[in-house]
Amino acid sequence: MTLPTRTFARLPGKSLTFTEIGFGTAPLGNLYRAISDAEADAVLEKAWESGLRYYDTAPLYGMGLSEVRLNRLLRGKPRDEYVLSTKVGRLLKPATPETRDGVGKWFEVPDRKEVYDYTYDGVMRSVEFSLERLGVSRVDILYAHDLDVFNHGSREVLQGKLDELMAGGYRALTELRDQGVISAFGAGVNEWQSAQWMAERGDFDIFLLAGRYTLLEQEALESFLPLCDARGIGLVIGGAYNSGILATGPKPGAFYNYDPAPQEILDRVGRIEAVCRAHGVRLVDAAFRFPLCHPAVVSVIPGGQGVAEMESNLAAARAEIPAALWADLKAEGLMRQDAPVPGA
């Protein structure tokens, strides 16, 4: 079975072919609830059998558990048949059940504490650990993880971490790319402003932007996405459903940006869903397809803890969206007029 693909080739000899739908594997790290190895294996096998060939992970996801679970899928698979990305910027230190990080977020995972480290040595050590957990000799993309205010708490702290990356970790990333250990590098962030800051100061290939270019949020069109166009920088979109509300609709308790959605978001999503319904389109299908309308976007990576969620994501990847739906969303002020859509 095949899925639509997009080829990204910013640098000579560094071509990567992404399936338009990738797999964000944070849920396989027992995010918010524990799942068994058998359940995780079933989701991954469903993805592979369906033709999905881009997998994104990180040391943070389940304190290494996501990478270990992905190892079991990829073991024995031809290395050139898939694209694999992981992240740097955190080292995992042994801890006790009482002192570990991620309590209430990651369930039944190794006892570890997260240590932010964007230095040269930190990046190199992180890569070595990830290669061991994944059981591979190379990854295709490394993202510097969570360089945003959301994770670091203030702009001052964030700026210190950005400076640390550019003073050390950035050199490690360029060396790894030059040596062929990776084909591309960038950052995986929750805020486009940080990505733009890095893109303006370094030779970054690709960014993973979570939740900031969706049916609900298009502010990145102001300056960051035009910069990506001008520099040939690729974009992977995480959080295309804004933590769930664009998949579930505005039902009571729907989540937006990791918290219960405020009323104004519920109302806006309700209006978007009404337009989708008028065209016979699921809200989740439109939410998946929208970011892919931008020429810089190479893949959208929803997660999934169960086979049913994976099947829903795959259905969204195959859905056809009538051009009139986008036109109506713009006419009702529910989408920016300058947002790229087919036929515009």
C-alpha atoms as a PDB file:
ATOM      1  CA  MET A   1       0.000   0.000   0.000  1.00  0.00           C
ATOM      2  CA  THR A   2       1.333   3.466  -0.845  1.00  0.00           C
ATOM      3  CA  LEU A   3       0.688   6.906   0.565  1.00  0.00           C
ATOM      4  CA  PRO A   4       1.397  10.280  -1.075  1.00  0.00           C
ATOM      5  CA  THR A   5       4.995  11.400  -0.641  1.00  0.00           C
ATOM      6  CA  ARG A   6       6.984  14.615  -0.843  1.00  0.00           C
ATOM      7  CA  THR A   7      10.688  14.878  -1.583  1.00  0.00           C
ATOM      8  CA  PHE A   8      12.828  17.372   0.285  1.00  0.00           C
ATOM      9  CA  ALA A   9      16.287  18.192  -1.045  1.00  0.00           C
ATOM     10  CA  ARG A  10      17.698  21.416   0.330  1.00  0.00           C
ATOM     11  CA  LEU A  11      21.345  20.353   0.005  1.00  0.00           C
ATOM     12  CA  PRO A  12      23.000  18.301  -2.772  1.00  0.00           C
ATOM     13  CA  GLY A  13      23.078  14.610  -1.955  1.00  0.00           C
ATOM     14  CA  LYS A  14      20.758  15.013   1.043  1.00  0.00           C
ATOM     15  CA  SER A  15      17.414  14.115  -0.521  1.00  0.00           C
ATOM     16  CA  LEU A  16      14.703  12.731   1.770  1.00  0.00           C
ATOM     17  CA  THR A  17      11.304  11.339   0.753  1.00  0.00           C
ATOM     18  CA  PHE A  18       8.561  11.827   3.333  1.00  0.00           C
ATOM     19  CA  THR A  19       5.112  10.323   3.355  1.00  0.00           C
ATOM     20  CA  GLU A  20       2.672  13.219   3.696  1.00  0.00           C
ATOM     21  CA  ILE A  21       1.475  11.545   6.867  1.00  0.00           C
ATOM     22  CA  GLY A  22       4.194  10.791   9.367  1.00  0.00           C
ATOM     23  CA  PHE A  23       3.975   9.268  12.820  1.00  0.00           C
ATOM     24  CA  GLY A  24       4.619  11.377  15.909  1.00  0.00           C
ATOM     25  CA  THR A  25       5.536   8.738  18.480  1.00  0.00           C
ATOM     26  CA  ALA A  26       5.101  10.664  21.744  1.00  0.00           C
ATOM     27  CA  PRO A  27       1.934   8.650  22.547  1.00  0.00           C
ATOM     28  CA  LEU A  28       3.996   5.469  22.329  1.00  0.00           C
ATOM     29  CA  GLY A  29       6.000   6.771  25.282  1.00  0.00           C
ATOM     30  CA  ASN A  30       2.916   6.253  27.473  1.00  0.00           C
ATOM     31  CA  LEU A  31       1.832   9.862  27.240  1.00  0.00           C
ATOM     32  CA  TYR A  32      -1.062  10.492  29.674  1.00  0.00           C
ATOM     33  CA  ARG A  33      -1.741   6.761  29.981  1.00  0.00           C
ATOM     34  CA  ALA A  34       0.196   3.530  29.805  1.00  0.00           C
ATOM     35  CA  ILE A  35      -0.199   1.166  26.882  1.00  0.00           C
ATOM     36  CA  SER A  36       1.326  -2.291  26.589  1.00  0.00           C
ATOM     37  CA  ASP A  37       4.174  -3.251  24.288  1.00  0.00           C
ATOM     38  CA  ALA A  38       1.656  -5.294  22.296  1.00  0.00           C
ATOM     39  CA  GLU A  39      -0.597  -2.250  21.796  1.00  0.00           C
ATOM     40  CA  ALA A  40       2.354  -0.106  20.741  1.00  0.00           C
ATOM     41  CA  ASP A  41       3.547  -2.794  18.329  1.00  0.00           C
ATOM     42  CA  ALA A  42       0.070  -3.071  16.794  1.00  0.00           C
ATOM     43  CA  VAL A  43      -0.086   0.676  16.087  1.00  0.00           C
ATOM     44  CA  LEU A  44       3.385   0.703  14.552  1.00  0.00           C
ATOM     45  CA  GLU A  45       2.680  -2.356  12.417  1.00  0.00           C
ATOM     46  CA  LYS A  46      -0.564  -0.775  11.196  1.00  0.00           C
ATOM     47  CA  ALA A  47       1.359   2.339  10.199  1.00  0.00           C
ATOM     48  CA  TRP A  48       4.032   0.385   8.339  1.00  0.00           C
ATOM     49  CA  GLU A  49       1.585  -1.929   6.569  1.00  0.00           C
ATOM     50  CA  SER A  50      -0.363   1.144   5.437  1.00  0.00           C
ATOM     51  CA  GLY A  51       2.722   2.607   3.776  1.00  0.00           C
ATOM     52  CA  LEU A  52       3.672   5.227   6.368  1.00  0.00           C
ATOM     53  CA  ARG A  53       7.412   5.844   6.121  1.00  0.00           C
ATOM     54  CA  TYR A  54       8.261   8.861   8.291  1.00  0.00           C
ATOM     55  CA  TYR A  55       8.722   8.335  12.033  1.00  0.00           C
ATOM     56  CA  ASP A  56       9.560  11.049  14.552  1.00  0.00           C
ATOM     57  CA  THR A  57      10.628  10.370  18.116  1.00  0.00           C
ATOM     58  CA  ALA A  58      12.664  11.914  20.963  1.00  0.00           C
ATOM     59  CA  PRO A  59      14.493  10.873  24.128  1.00  0.00           C
ATOM     60  CA  LEU A  60      11.861  12.753  26.139  1.00  0.00           C
ATOM     61  CA  TYR A  61       8.978  10.612  24.904  1.00  0.00           C
ATOM     62  CA  GLY A  62       8.514   8.133  27.708  1.00  0.00           C
ATOM     63  CA  MET A  63      12.046   8.782  29.004  1.00  0.00           C
ATOM     64  CA  GLY A  64      13.445   6.728  26.136  1.00  0.00           C
ATOM     65  CA  LEU A  65      10.525   4.293  25.861  1.00  0.00           C
ATOM     66  CA  SER A  66       9.296   5.621  22.501  1.00  0.00           C
ATOM     67  CA  GLU A  67      12.707   5.126  20.894  1.00  0.00           C
ATOM     68  CA  VAL A  68      12.952   1.591  22.299  1.00  0.00           C
ATOM     69  CA  ARG A  69       9.497   0.676  21.002  1.00  0.00           C
ATOM     70  CA  LEU A  70      10.306   2.118  17.588  1.00  0.00           C
ATOM     71  CA  ASN A  71      13.439  -0.050  17.571  1.00  0.00           C
ATOM     72  CA  ARG A  72      11.282  -3.180  17.437  1.00  0.00           C
ATOM     73  CA  LEU A  73       9.439  -1.984  14.329  1.00  0.00           C
ATOM     74  CA  LEU A  74      12.503  -0.802  12.437  1.00  0.00           C
ATOM     75  CA  ARG A  75      14.709  -3.776  13.237  1.00  0.00           C
ATOM     76  CA  GLY A  76      15.270  -5.635   9.974  1.00  0.00           C
ATOM     77  CA  LYS A  77      13.525  -3.024   7.829  1.00  0.00           C
ATOM     78  CA  PRO A  78      15.625  -1.768   4.891  1.00  0.00           C
ATOM     79  CA  ARG A  79      17.210   1.442   6.173  1.00  0.00           C
ATOM     80  CA  ASP A  80      16.625   3.396   2.978  1.00  0.00           C
ATOM     81  CA  GLU A  81      12.874   2.695   3.009  1.00  0.00           C
ATOM     82  CA  TYR A  82      11.987   5.128   5.791  1.00  0.00           C
ATOM     83  CA  VAL A  83      12.838   8.556   7.188  1.00  0.00           C
ATOM     84  CA  LEU A  84      13.668   8.742  10.894  1.00  0.00           C
ATOM     85  CA  SER A  85      14.037  11.791  13.104  1.00  0.00           C
ATOM     86  CA  THR A  86      14.835  12.179  16.757  1.00  0.00           C
ATOM     87  CA  LYS A  87      15.839  15.066  18.968  1.00  0.00           C
ATOM     88  CA  VAL A  88      18.655  16.516  21.032  1.00  0.00           C
ATOM     89  CA  GLY A  89      18.769  19.018  23.877  1.00  0.00           C
ATOM     90  CA  ARG A  90      17.902  16.765  26.801  1.00  0.00           C
ATOM     91  CA  LEU A  91      19.982  14.118  28.512  1.00  0.00           C
ATOM     92  CA  LEU A  92      18.271  11.553  30.708  1.00  0.00           C
ATOM     93  CA  LYS A  93      19.788  10.902  34.127  1.00  0.00           C
ATOM     94  CA  PRO A  94      18.884   7.959  36.408  1.00  0.00           C
ATOM     95  CA  ALA A  95      16.493   8.886  39.212  1.00  0.00           C
ATOM     96  CA  THR A  96      14.254   7.255  41.780  1.00  0.00           C
ATOM     97  CA  PRO A  97      10.474   6.868  41.535  1.00  0.00           C
ATOM     98  CA  GLU A  98      10.187   9.784  43.970  1.00  0.00           C
ATOM     99  CA  THR A  99      12.529  12.137  42.107  1.00  0.00           C
ATOM    100  CA  ARG A 100      11.848  11.290  38.448  1.00  0.00           C
ATOM    101  CA  ASP A 101      10.449  13.814  36.019  1.00  0.00           C
ATOM    102  CA  GLY A 102       7.202  13.517  34.098  1.00  0.00           C
ATOM    103  CA  VAL A 103       4.974  12.252  36.913  1.00  0.00           C
ATOM    104  CA  GLY A 104       1.369  12.629  35.752  1.00  0.00           C
ATOM    105  CA  LYS A 105       2.454  12.963  32.114  1.00  0.00           C
ATOM    106  CA  TRP A 106       4.473   9.804  31.346  1.00  0.00           C
ATOM    107  CA  PHE A 107       3.188   6.573  32.871  1.00  0.00           C
ATOM    108  CA  GLU A 108       5.102   3.366  33.601  1.00  0.00           C
ATOM    109  CA  VAL A 109       8.364   4.663  32.147  1.00  0.00           C
ATOM    110  CA  PRO A 110      11.993   4.472  33.307  1.00  0.00           C
ATOM    111  CA  ASP A 111      12.856   6.632  36.322  1.00  0.00           C
ATOM    112  CA  ARG A 112      14.785   9.515  34.790  1.00  0.00           C
ATOM    113  CA  LYS A 113      15.415  13.204  35.264  1.00  0.00           C
ATOM    114  CA  GLU A 114      15.647  15.518  32.263  1.00  0.00           C
ATOM    115  CA  VAL A 115      18.738  17.712  31.958  1.00  0.00           C
ATOM    116  CA  TYR A 116      18.624  20.379  29.267  1.00  0.00           C
ATOM    117  CA  ASP A 117      21.920  20.407  27.392  1.00  0.00           C
ATOM    118  CA  TYR A 118      22.348  22.139  24.041  1.00  0.00           C
ATOM    119  CA  THR A 119      26.161  22.155  24.160  1.00  0.00           C
ATOM    120  CA  TYR A 120      28.442  20.429  21.674  1.00  0.00           C
ATOM    121  CA  ASP A 121      29.124  17.537  24.051  1.00  0.00           C
ATOM    122  CA  GLY A 122      25.472  17.335  25.084  1.00  0.00           C
ATOM    123  CA  VAL A 123      24.322  16.952  21.493  1.00  0.00           C
ATOM    124  CA  MET A 124      26.956  14.323  20.715  1.00  0.00           C
ATOM    125  CA  ARG A 125      26.104  12.300  23.830  1.00  0.00           C
ATOM    126  CA  SER A 126      22.381  12.540  23.112  1.00  0.00           C
ATOM    127  CA  VAL A 127      22.859  11.205  19.579  1.00  0.00           C
ATOM    128  CA  GLU A 128      24.881   8.242  20.830  1.00  0.00           C
ATOM    129  CA  PHE A 129      22.215   7.307  23.367  1.00  0.00           C
ATOM    130  CA  SER A 130      19.442   7.629  20.773  1.00  0.00           C
ATOM    131  CA  LEU A 131      21.259   5.464  18.247  1.00  0.00           C
ATOM    132  CA  GLU A 132      21.553   2.741  20.902  1.00  0.00           C
ATOM    133  CA  ARG A 133      17.889   2.927  21.915  1.00  0.00           C
ATOM    134  CA  LEU A 134      16.761   2.967  18.282  1.00  0.00           C
ATOM    135  CA  GLY A 135      19.147   0.231  17.199  1.00  0.00           C
ATOM    136  CA  VAL A 136      20.234   2.092  14.060  1.00  0.00           C
ATOM    137  CA  SER A 137      23.543   3.464  12.838  1.00  0.00           C
ATOM    138  CA  ARG A 138      22.163   6.761  11.586  1.00  0.00           C
ATOM    139  CA  VAL A 139      19.118   8.979  11.765  1.00  0.00           C
ATOM    140  CA  ASP A 140      17.987  11.222   8.956  1.00  0.00           C
ATOM    141  CA  ILE A 141      17.091  14.341  10.937  1.00  0.00           C
ATOM    142  CA  LEU A 142      18.037  15.748  14.327  1.00  0.00           C
ATOM    143  CA  TYR A 143      15.877  18.450  15.880  1.00  0.00           C
ATOM    144  CA  ALA A 144      17.013  20.607  18.788  1.00  0.00           C
ATOM    145  CA  HIS A 145      14.083  20.013  21.113  1.00  0.00           C
ATOM    146  CA  ASP A 146      11.783  22.470  22.887  1.00  0.00           C
ATOM    147  CA  LEU A 147      13.639  25.751  22.446  1.00  0.00           C
ATOM    148  CA  ASP A 148      10.607  27.845  23.356  1.00  0.00           C
ATOM    149  CA  VAL A 149       9.138  29.859  26.195  1.00  0.00           C
ATOM    150  CA  PHE A 150       6.503  27.157  26.690  1.00  0.00           C
ATOM    151  CA  ASN A 151       9.185  24.798  28.007  1.00  0.00           C
ATOM    152  CA  HIS A 152      11.773  27.159  29.494  1.00  0.00           C
ATOM    153  CA  GLY A 153       9.374  29.456  31.301  1.00  0.00           C
ATOM    154  CA  SER A 154      10.701  32.892  30.335  1.00  0.00           C
ATOM    155  CA  ARG A 155      12.262  34.646  27.381  1.00  0.00           C
ATOM    156  CA  GLU A 156      15.425  35.249  29.384  1.00  0.00           C
ATOM    157  CA  VAL A 157      15.971  31.556  30.111  1.00  0.00           C
ATOM    158  CA  LEU A 158      15.054  30.648  26.548  1.00  0.00           C
ATOM    159  CA  GLN A 159      17.565  33.132  25.162  1.00  0.00           C
ATOM    160  CA  GLY A 160      20.286  31.541  27.251  1.00  0.00           C
ATOM    161  CA  LYS A 161      19.435  28.122  25.807  1.00  0.00           C
ATOM    162  CA  LEU A 162      19.337  29.474  22.247  1.00  0.00           C
ATOM    163  CA  ASP A 163      22.749  31.047  22.781  1.00  0.00           C
ATOM    164  CA  GLU A 164      24.023  27.746  24.202  1.00  0.00           C
ATOM    165  CA  LEU A 165      22.858  25.912  21.094  1.00  0.00           C
ATOM    166  CA  MET A 166      24.443  28.375  18.689  1.00  0.00           C
ATOM    167  CA  ALA A 167      27.700  28.406  20.683  1.00  0.00           C
ATOM    168  CA  GLY A 168      28.079  24.620  20.806  1.00  0.00           C
ATOM    169  CA  GLY A 169      25.308  22.286  19.731  1.00  0.00           C
ATOM    170  CA  TYR A 170      25.016  23.934  16.344  1.00  0.00           C
ATOM    171  CA  ARG A 171      28.629  22.975  15.551  1.00  0.00           C
ATOM    172  CA  ALA A 172      27.877  19.382  16.524  1.00  0.00           C
ATOM    173  CA  LEU A 173      24.857  19.308  14.228  1.00  0.00           C
ATOM    174  CA  THR A 174      26.778  20.703  11.257  1.00  0.00           C
ATOM    175  CA  GLU A 175      29.587  18.186  11.820  1.00  0.00           C
ATOM    176  CA  LEU A 176      27.121  15.291  11.982  1.00  0.00           C
ATOM    177  CA  ARG A 177      25.514  16.449   8.743  1.00  0.00           C
ATOM    178  CA  ASP A 178      28.888  16.849   7.054  1.00  0.00           C
ATOM    179  CA  GLN A 179      29.907  13.350   8.194  1.00  0.00           C
ATOM    180  CA  GLY A 180      26.719  11.776   6.851  1.00  0.00           C
ATOM    181  CA  VAL A 181      25.488  10.645  10.268  1.00  0.00           C
ATOM    182  CA  ILE A 182      22.415  12.790   9.568  1.00  0.00           C
ATOM    183  CA  SER A 183      21.033  14.272   6.367  1.00  0.00           C
ATOM    184  CA  ALA A 184      19.429  17.350   7.883  1.00  0.00           C
ATOM    185  CA  PHE A 185      18.954  19.211  11.144  1.00  0.00           C
ATOM    186  CA  GLY A 186      16.698  21.814  12.634  1.00  0.00           C
ATOM    187  CA  ALA A 187      14.588  22.279  15.724  1.00  0.00           C
ATOM    188  CA  GLY A 188      11.354  20.881  17.101  1.00  0.00           C
ATOM    189  CA  VAL A 189       9.501  23.713  18.814  1.00  0.00           C
ATOM    190  CA  ASN A 190       6.090  24.922  19.938  1.00  0.00           C
ATOM    191  CA  GLU A 191       6.660  28.551  18.859  1.00  0.00           C
ATOM    192  CA  TRP A 192       7.486  29.794  15.376  1.00  0.00           C
ATOM    193  CA  GLN A 193       9.330  32.817  16.773  1.00  0.00           C
ATOM    194  CA  SER A 194      12.151  30.625  18.093  1.00  0.00           C
ATOM    195  CA  ALA A 195      12.390  28.806  14.775  1.00  0.00           C
ATOM    196  CA  GLN A 196      12.653  32.106  12.924  1.00  0.00           C
ATOM    197  CA  TRP A 197      15.378  33.337  15.302  1.00  0.00           C
ATOM    198  CA  MET A 198      17.434  30.211  14.582  1.00  0.00           C
ATOM    199  CA  ALA A 199      16.797  30.292  10.838  1.00  0.00           C
ATOM    200  CA  GLU A 200      18.068  33.868  10.702  1.00  0.00           C
ATOM    201  CA  ARG A 201      21.338  32.887  12.411  1.00  0.00           C
ATOM    202  CA  GLY A 202      22.263  29.456  11.098  1.00  0.00           C
ATOM    203  CA  ASP A 203      22.122  27.021   8.214  1.00  0.00           C
ATOM    204  CA  PHE A 204      19.086  25.053   9.403  1.00  0.00           C
ATOM    205  CA  ASP A 205      17.435  22.624   7.000  1.00  0.00           C
ATOM    206  CA  ILE A 206      14.057  21.788   8.489  1.00  0.00           C
ATOM    207  CA  PHE A 207      11.857  22.623  11.466  1.00  0.00           C
ATOM    208  CA  LEU A 208       9.211  20.629  13.271  1.00  0.00           C
ATOM    209  CA  LEU A 209       6.588  23.175  14.299  1.00  0.00           C
ATOM    210  CA  ALA A 210       3.954  21.941  16.737  1.00  0.00           C
ATOM    211  CA  GLY A 211       0.524  23.564  16.857  1.00  0.00           C
ATOM    212  CA  ARG A 212       1.446  26.864  15.266  1.00  0.00           C
ATOM    213  CA  TYR A 213       0.305  26.361  11.689  1.00  0.00           C
ATOM    214  CA  THR A 214      -3.163  24.865  11.805  1.00  0.00           C
ATOM    215  CA  LEU A 215      -6.763  25.613  10.890  1.00  0.00           C
ATOM    216  CA  LEU A 216      -6.850  27.613  14.116  1.00  0.00           C
ATOM    217  CA  GLU A 217      -3.474  29.366  14.008  1.00  0.00           C
ATOM    218  CA  GLN A 218      -1.811  30.952  10.997  1.00  0.00           C
ATOM    219  CA  GLU A 219       0.239  33.800  12.480  1.00  0.00           C
ATOM    220  CA  ALA A 220       3.400  32.108  11.199  1.00  0.00           C
ATOM    221  CA  LEU A 221       2.425  33.354   7.733  1.00  0.00           C
ATOM    222  CA  GLU A 222       3.473  36.851   8.815  1.00  0.00           C
ATOM    223  CA  SER A 223       7.214  36.255   8.544  1.00  0.00           C
ATOM    224  CA  PHE A 224       8.401  32.736   9.391  1.00  0.00           C
ATOM    225  CA  LEU A 225       6.822  30.800   6.534  1.00  0.00           C
ATOM    226  CA  PRO A 226       7.942  33.361   3.922  1.00  0.00           C
ATOM    227  CA  LEU A 227      11.466  32.969   5.339  1.00  0.00           C
ATOM    228  CA  CYS A 228      11.217  29.198   4.900  1.00  0.00           C
ATOM    229  CA  ASP A 229      10.148  29.710   1.294  1.00  0.00           C
ATOM    230  CA  ALA A 230      13.050  32.057   0.629  1.00  0.00           C
ATOM    231  CA  ARG A 231      15.656  29.761   2.224  1.00  0.00           C
ATOM    232  CA  GLY A 232      14.302  26.433   0.980  1.00  0.00           C
ATOM    233  CA  ILE A 233      13.711  25.326   4.568  1.00  0.00           C
ATOM    234  CA  GLY A 234      11.343  22.408   5.070  1.00  0.00           C
ATOM    235  CA  LEU A 235       8.589  22.156   7.643  1.00  0.00           C
ATOM    236  CA  VAL A 236       7.111  19.192   9.443  1.00  0.00           C
ATOM    237  CA  ILE A 237       3.857  20.010  11.225  1.00  0.00           C
ATOM    238  CA  GLY A 238       3.117  18.483  14.592  1.00  0.00           C
ATOM    239  CA  GLY A 239       0.045  19.250  16.651  1.00  0.00           C
ATOM    240  CA  ALA A 240      -2.097  19.802  13.556  1.00  0.00           C
ATOM    241  CA  TYR A 241      -5.159  19.129  15.700  1.00  0.00           C
ATOM    242  CA  ASN A 242      -4.092  21.664  18.372  1.00  0.00           C
ATOM    243  CA  SER A 243      -3.946  19.014  21.109  1.00  0.00           C
ATOM    244  CA  GLY A 244      -7.174  17.385  20.017  1.00  0.00           C
ATOM    245  CA  ILE A 245      -9.964  19.877  19.439  1.00  0.00           C
ATOM    246  CA  LEU A 246      -9.578  19.806  15.646  1.00  0.00           C
ATOM    247  CA  ALA A 247      -9.977  16.027  15.773  1.00  0.00           C
ATOM    248  CA  THR A 248     -12.766  15.743  18.329  1.00  0.00           C
ATOM    249  CA  GLY A 249     -14.645  18.926  17.519  1.00  0.00           C
ATOM    250  CA  PRO A 250     -15.840  21.382  20.177  1.00  0.00           C
ATOM    251  CA  LYS A 251     -17.233  18.816  22.563  1.00  0.00           C
ATOM    252  CA  PRO A 252     -17.209  19.428  26.338  1.00  0.00           C
ATOM    253  CA  GLY A 253     -13.724  18.892  27.711  1.00  0.00           C
ATOM    254  CA  ALA A 254     -12.037  19.199  24.319  1.00  0.00           C
ATOM    255  CA  PHE A 255      -8.346  20.064  24.602  1.00  0.00           C
ATOM    256  CA  TYR A 256      -6.545  22.984  23.004  1.00  0.00           C
ATOM    257  CA  ASN A 257      -2.810  23.488  23.588  1.00  0.00           C
ATOM    258  CA  TYR A 258      -2.722  20.805  26.295  1.00  0.00           C
ATOM    259  CA  ASP A 259      -5.505  22.415  28.352  1.00  0.00           C
ATOM    260  CA  PRO A 260      -9.316  22.432  28.245  1.00  0.00           C
ATOM    261  CA  ALA A 261     -10.344  24.710  25.388  1.00  0.00           C
ATOM    262  CA  PRO A 262     -11.635  28.176  26.314  1.00  0.00           C
ATOM    263  CA  GLN A 263     -15.071  29.195  25.086  1.00  0.00           C
ATOM    264  CA  GLU A 264     -13.825  31.395  22.244  1.00  0.00           C
ATOM    265  CA  ILE A 265     -11.862  28.467  20.810  1.00  0.00           C
ATOM    266  CA  LEU A 266     -14.860  26.151  21.199  1.00  0.00           C
ATOM    267  CA  ASP A 267     -16.988  28.671  19.336  1.00  0.00           C
ATOM    268  CA  ARG A 268     -14.475  29.141  16.510  1.00  0.00           C
ATOM    269  CA  VAL A 269     -14.004  25.417  16.037  1.00  0.00           C
ATOM    270  CA  GLY A 270     -17.768  25.018  15.986  1.00  0.00           C
ATOM    271  CA  ARG A 271     -17.967  27.457  13.086  1.00  0.00           C
ATOM    272  CA  ILE A 272     -15.142  25.704  11.229  1.00  0.00           C
ATOM    273  CA  GLU A 273     -16.816  22.342  11.768  1.00  0.00           C
ATOM    274  CA  ALA A 274     -20.099  23.688  10.417  1.00  0.00           C
ATOM    275  CA  VAL A 275     -18.391  24.707   7.159  1.00  0.00           C
ATOM    276  CA  CYS A 276     -16.768  21.276   6.906  1.00  0.00           C
ATOM    277  CA  ARG A 277     -20.081  19.553   7.530  1.00  0.00           C
ATOM    278  CA  ALA A 278     -21.730  21.614   4.776  1.00  0.00           C
ATOM    279  CA  HIS A 279     -19.189  20.137   2.354  1.00  0.00           C
ATOM    280  CA  GLY A 280     -19.458  16.591   3.680  1.00  0.00           C
ATOM    281  CA  VAL A 281     -15.923  16.680   5.108  1.00  0.00           C
ATOM    282  CA  ARG A 282     -14.783  15.556   8.540  1.00  0.00           C
ATOM    283  CA  LEU A 283     -13.214  18.332  10.601  1.00  0.00           C
ATOM    284  CA  VAL A 284     -10.167  16.142  11.222  1.00  0.00           C
ATOM    285  CA  ASP A 285      -9.689  15.624   7.474  1.00  0.00           C
ATOM    286  CA  ALA A 286      -9.588  19.368   6.824  1.00  0.00           C
ATOM    287  CA  ALA A 287      -7.290  19.905   9.814  1.00  0.00           C
ATOM    288  CA  PHE A 288      -4.849  17.322   8.491  1.00  0.00           C
ATOM    289  CA  ARG A 289      -4.852  18.606   4.915  1.00  0.00           C
ATOM    290  CA  PHE A 290      -4.632  22.351   5.609  1.00  0.00           C
ATOM    291  CA  PRO A 291      -0.911  22.571   6.570  1.00  0.00           C
ATOM    292  CA  LEU A 292       0.042  20.457   3.554  1.00  0.00           C
ATOM    293  CA  CYS A 293      -1.314  23.180   1.290  1.00  0.00           C
ATOM    294  CA  HIS A 294       1.777  25.263   2.104  1.00  0.00           C
ATOM    295  CA  PRO A 295       4.701  24.513  -0.220  1.00  0.00           C
ATOM    296  CA  ALA A 296       7.273  24.378   2.601  1.00  0.00           C
ATOM    297  CA  VAL A 297       5.438  21.591   4.450  1.00  0.00           C
ATOM    298  CA  VAL A 298       6.722  18.077   3.761  1.00  0.00           C
ATOM    299  CA  SER A 299       4.737  16.040   6.304  1.00  0.00           C
ATOM    300  CA  VAL A 300       2.109  16.211   9.038  1.00  0.00           C
ATOM    301  CA  ILE A 301       2.722  13.899  11.991  1.00  0.00           C
ATOM    302  CA  PRO A 302      -0.299  13.075  14.136  1.00  0.00           C
ATOM    303  CA  GLY A 303       0.221  10.588  16.937  1.00  0.00           C
ATOM    304  CA  GLY A 304      -1.895   7.668  18.013  1.00  0.00           C
ATOM    305  CA  GLN A 305      -2.009   5.256  20.929  1.00  0.00           C
ATOM    306  CA  GLY A 306      -4.410   2.808  19.319  1.00  0.00           C
ATOM    307  CA  VAL A 307      -5.107   1.222  15.967  1.00  0.00           C
ATOM    308  CA  ALA A 308      -8.424   3.088  15.678  1.00  0.00           C
ATOM    309  CA  GLU A 309      -6.647   6.449  16.024  1.00  0.00           C
ATOM    310  CA  MET A 310      -4.091   5.395  13.434  1.00  0.00           C
ATOM    311  CA  GLU A 311      -6.855   4.341  11.040  1.00  0.00           C
ATOM    312  CA  SER A 312      -8.568   7.712  11.506  1.00  0.00           C
ATOM    313  CA  ASN A 313      -5.305   9.538  10.767  1.00  0.00           C
ATOM    314  CA  LEU A 314      -4.724   7.420   7.667  1.00  0.00           C
ATOM    315  CA  ALA A 315      -8.270   8.159   6.476  1.00  0.00           C
ATOM    316  CA  ALA A 316      -7.544  11.881   6.925  1.00  0.00           C
ATOM    317  CA  ALA A 317      -4.385  11.524   4.849  1.00  0.00           C
ATOM    318  CA  ARG A 318      -6.374  10.003   1.990  1.00  0.00           C
ATOM    319  CA  ALA A 319      -9.377  12.343   2.142  1.00  0.00           C
ATOM    320  CA  GLU A 320     -10.100  14.721  -0.723  1.00  0.00           C
ATOM    321  CA  ILE A 321     -11.068  18.273   0.251  1.00  0.00           C
ATOM    322  CA  PRO A 322     -13.161  20.350  -2.177  1.00  0.00           C
ATOM    323  CA  ALA A 323     -11.666  23.733  -3.041  1.00  0.00           C
ATOM    324  CA  ALA A 324     -14.967  25.369  -2.128  1.00  0.00           C
ATOM    325  CA  LEU A 325     -14.439  24.428   1.528  1.00  0.00           C
ATOM    326  CA  TRP A 326     -11.297  26.562   1.761  1.00  0.00           C
ATOM    327  CA  ALA A 327     -13.026  29.397  -0.072  1.00  0.00           C
ATOM    328  CA  ASP A 328     -15.934  29.325   2.385  1.00  0.00           C
ATOM    329  CA  LEU A 329     -13.609  29.296   5.400  1.00  0.00           C
ATOM    330  CA  LYS A 330     -11.882  32.394   4.046  1.00  0.00           C
ATOM    331  CA  ALA A 331     -15.179  34.072   3.197  1.00  0.00           C
ATOM    332  CA  GLU A 332     -16.370  33.598   6.791  1.00  0.00           C
ATOM    333  CA  GLY A 333     -13.140  34.965   8.251  1.00  0.00           C
ATOM    334  CA  LEU A 334     -12.123  31.588   9.643  1.00  0.00           C
ATOM    335  CA  MET A 335      -8.868  31.400   7.687  1.00  0.00           C
ATOM    336  CA  ARG A 336      -6.326  33.998   6.672  1.00  0.00           C
ATOM    337  CA  GLN A 337      -6.798  35.271   3.153  1.00  0.00           C
ATOM    338  CA  ASP A 338      -3.122  34.666   2.358  1.00  0.00           C
ATOM    339  CA  ALA A 339      -3.113  31.032   3.535  1.00  0.00           C
ATOM    340  CA  PRO A 340      -2.101  28.829   0.579  1.00  0.00           C
ATOM    341  CA  VAL A 341      -4.808  26.449  -0.582  1.00  0.00           C
ATOM    342  CA  PRO A 342      -5.170  24.420  -3.793  1.00  0.00           C
ATOM    343  CA  GLY A 343      -6.385  26.493  -6.714  1.00  0.00           C
ATOM    344  CA  ALA A 344      -5.741  29.833  -4.996  1.00  0.00           C
END
